[in-house]
């Protein structure tokens, strides 16, 4: 497990899957830590913006950009 990736996830407890994926990618960590991200946000995915009749992000409670 990468402590840096976990620290990014832990630092953003209300961030949507997509937002966390972006932050991990910017840190150069996404490709190696998709399982860690999926475990942190098991009810999330990229459909967190309210499109396609989805209710939005179950973690952030709002539509992510």
C-alpha atoms as a PDB file:
ATOM      1  CA  UNK A   1       0.000   0.000   0.000  1.00  0.00           C
ATOM      2  CA  UNK A   2       1.253   3.439  -0.819  1.00  0.00           C
ATOM      3  CA  UNK A   3       1.057   5.786   2.153  1.00  0.00           C
ATOM      4  CA  UNK A   4       1.002   8.821  -0.136  1.00  0.00           C
ATOM      5  CA  UNK A   5      -2.070   7.574  -1.994  1.00  0.00           C
ATOM      6  CA  UNK A   6      -3.812   6.724   1.271  1.00  0.00           C
ATOM      7  CA  UNK A   7      -2.926  10.148   2.675  1.00  0.00           C
ATOM      8  CA  UNK A   8      -4.512  11.849  -0.348  1.00  0.00           C
ATOM      9  CA  UNK A   9      -7.678   9.790   0.071  1.00  0.00           C
ATOM     10  CA  UNK A  10      -7.780  10.402   3.833  1.00  0.00           C
ATOM     11  CA  UNK A  11      -7.258  14.142   3.381  1.00  0.00           C
ATOM     12  CA  UNK A  12     -10.421  14.389   1.254  1.00  0.00           C
ATOM     13  CA  UNK A  13     -13.091  12.406   3.125  1.00  0.00           C
ATOM     14  CA  UNK A  14     -15.997  13.963   1.213  1.00  0.00           C
ATOM     15  CA  UNK A  15     -14.442  13.929  -2.242  1.00  0.00           C
ATOM     16  CA  UNK A  16     -16.089  11.914  -4.972  1.00  0.00           C
ATOM     17  CA  UNK A  17     -14.351   8.989  -6.692  1.00  0.00           C
ATOM     18  CA  UNK A  18     -13.720  11.121  -9.771  1.00  0.00           C
ATOM     19  CA  UNK A  19     -12.165  13.940  -7.726  1.00  0.00           C
ATOM     20  CA  UNK A  20      -9.907  11.518  -5.860  1.00  0.00           C
ATOM     21  CA  UNK A  21      -8.919   9.825  -9.116  1.00  0.00           C
ATOM     22  CA  UNK A  22      -7.883  13.224 -10.478  1.00  0.00           C
ATOM     23  CA  UNK A  23      -5.857  14.022  -7.363  1.00  0.00           C
ATOM     24  CA  UNK A  24      -4.117  10.627  -7.478  1.00  0.00           C
ATOM     25  CA  UNK A  25      -3.397  11.029 -11.191  1.00  0.00           C
ATOM     26  CA  UNK A  26      -1.906  14.486 -10.609  1.00  0.00           C
ATOM     27  CA  UNK A  27       0.388  12.904  -8.012  1.00  0.00           C
ATOM     28  CA  UNK A  28       1.311  10.160 -10.485  1.00  0.00           C
ATOM     29  CA  UNK A  29      -0.340   7.487  -8.355  1.00  0.00           C
ATOM     30  CA  UNK A  30      -3.623   6.510 -10.017  1.00  0.00           C
ATOM     31  CA  UNK A  31      -2.416   3.706 -12.260  1.00  0.00           C
ATOM     32  CA  UNK A  32      -0.970   1.810  -9.323  1.00  0.00           C
ATOM     33  CA  UNK A  33      -3.731   2.483  -6.830  1.00  0.00           C
ATOM     34  CA  UNK A  34      -7.097   2.031  -8.529  1.00  0.00           C
ATOM     35  CA  UNK A  35      -7.926  -0.806  -6.114  1.00  0.00           C
ATOM     36  CA  UNK A  36      -7.172   1.424  -3.133  1.00  0.00           C
ATOM     37  CA  UNK A  37      -9.451   4.107  -4.557  1.00  0.00           C
ATOM     38  CA  UNK A  38     -12.219   1.594  -5.264  1.00  0.00           C
ATOM     39  CA  UNK A  39     -11.962   0.277  -1.707  1.00  0.00           C
ATOM     40  CA  UNK A  40     -12.172   3.815  -0.318  1.00  0.00           C
ATOM     41  CA  UNK A  41     -15.238   4.658  -2.435  1.00  0.00           C
ATOM     42  CA  UNK A  42     -17.055   1.330  -3.010  1.00  0.00           C
ATOM     43  CA  UNK A  43     -20.384   3.004  -3.806  1.00  0.00           C
ATOM     44  CA  UNK A  44     -18.893   5.545  -6.180  1.00  0.00           C
ATOM     45  CA  UNK A  45     -17.638   5.701  -9.690  1.00  0.00           C
ATOM     46  CA  UNK A  46     -17.278   8.180 -12.488  1.00  0.00           C
ATOM     47  CA  UNK A  47     -21.065   8.661 -12.669  1.00  0.00           C
ATOM     48  CA  UNK A  48     -21.022  11.092  -9.757  1.00  0.00           C
ATOM     49  CA  UNK A  49     -22.033  14.200 -11.613  1.00  0.00           C
ATOM     50  CA  UNK A  50     -25.772  13.548 -11.723  1.00  0.00           C
ATOM     51  CA  UNK A  51     -25.816  12.657 -15.430  1.00  0.00           C
ATOM     52  CA  UNK A  52     -27.653   9.614 -16.755  1.00  0.00           C
ATOM     53  CA  UNK A  53     -30.329   9.893 -14.051  1.00  0.00           C
ATOM     54  CA  UNK A  54     -27.837   9.221 -11.259  1.00  0.00           C
ATOM     55  CA  UNK A  55     -28.508  11.013  -7.980  1.00  0.00           C
ATOM     56  CA  UNK A  56     -25.015  12.460  -7.798  1.00  0.00           C
ATOM     57  CA  UNK A  57     -22.181  11.519  -5.510  1.00  0.00           C
ATOM     58  CA  UNK A  58     -23.175   9.399  -2.487  1.00  0.00           C
ATOM     59  CA  UNK A  59     -20.108  10.667  -0.609  1.00  0.00           C
ATOM     60  CA  UNK A  60     -20.045  14.381  -1.316  1.00  0.00           C
ATOM     61  CA  UNK A  61     -23.814  14.715  -1.510  1.00  0.00           C
ATOM     62  CA  UNK A  62     -23.543  17.013  -4.485  1.00  0.00           C
ATOM     63  CA  UNK A  63     -22.720  16.877  -8.140  1.00  0.00           C
ATOM     64  CA  UNK A  64     -18.998  16.937  -8.752  1.00  0.00           C
ATOM     65  CA  UNK A  65     -17.663  19.030 -11.644  1.00  0.00           C
END
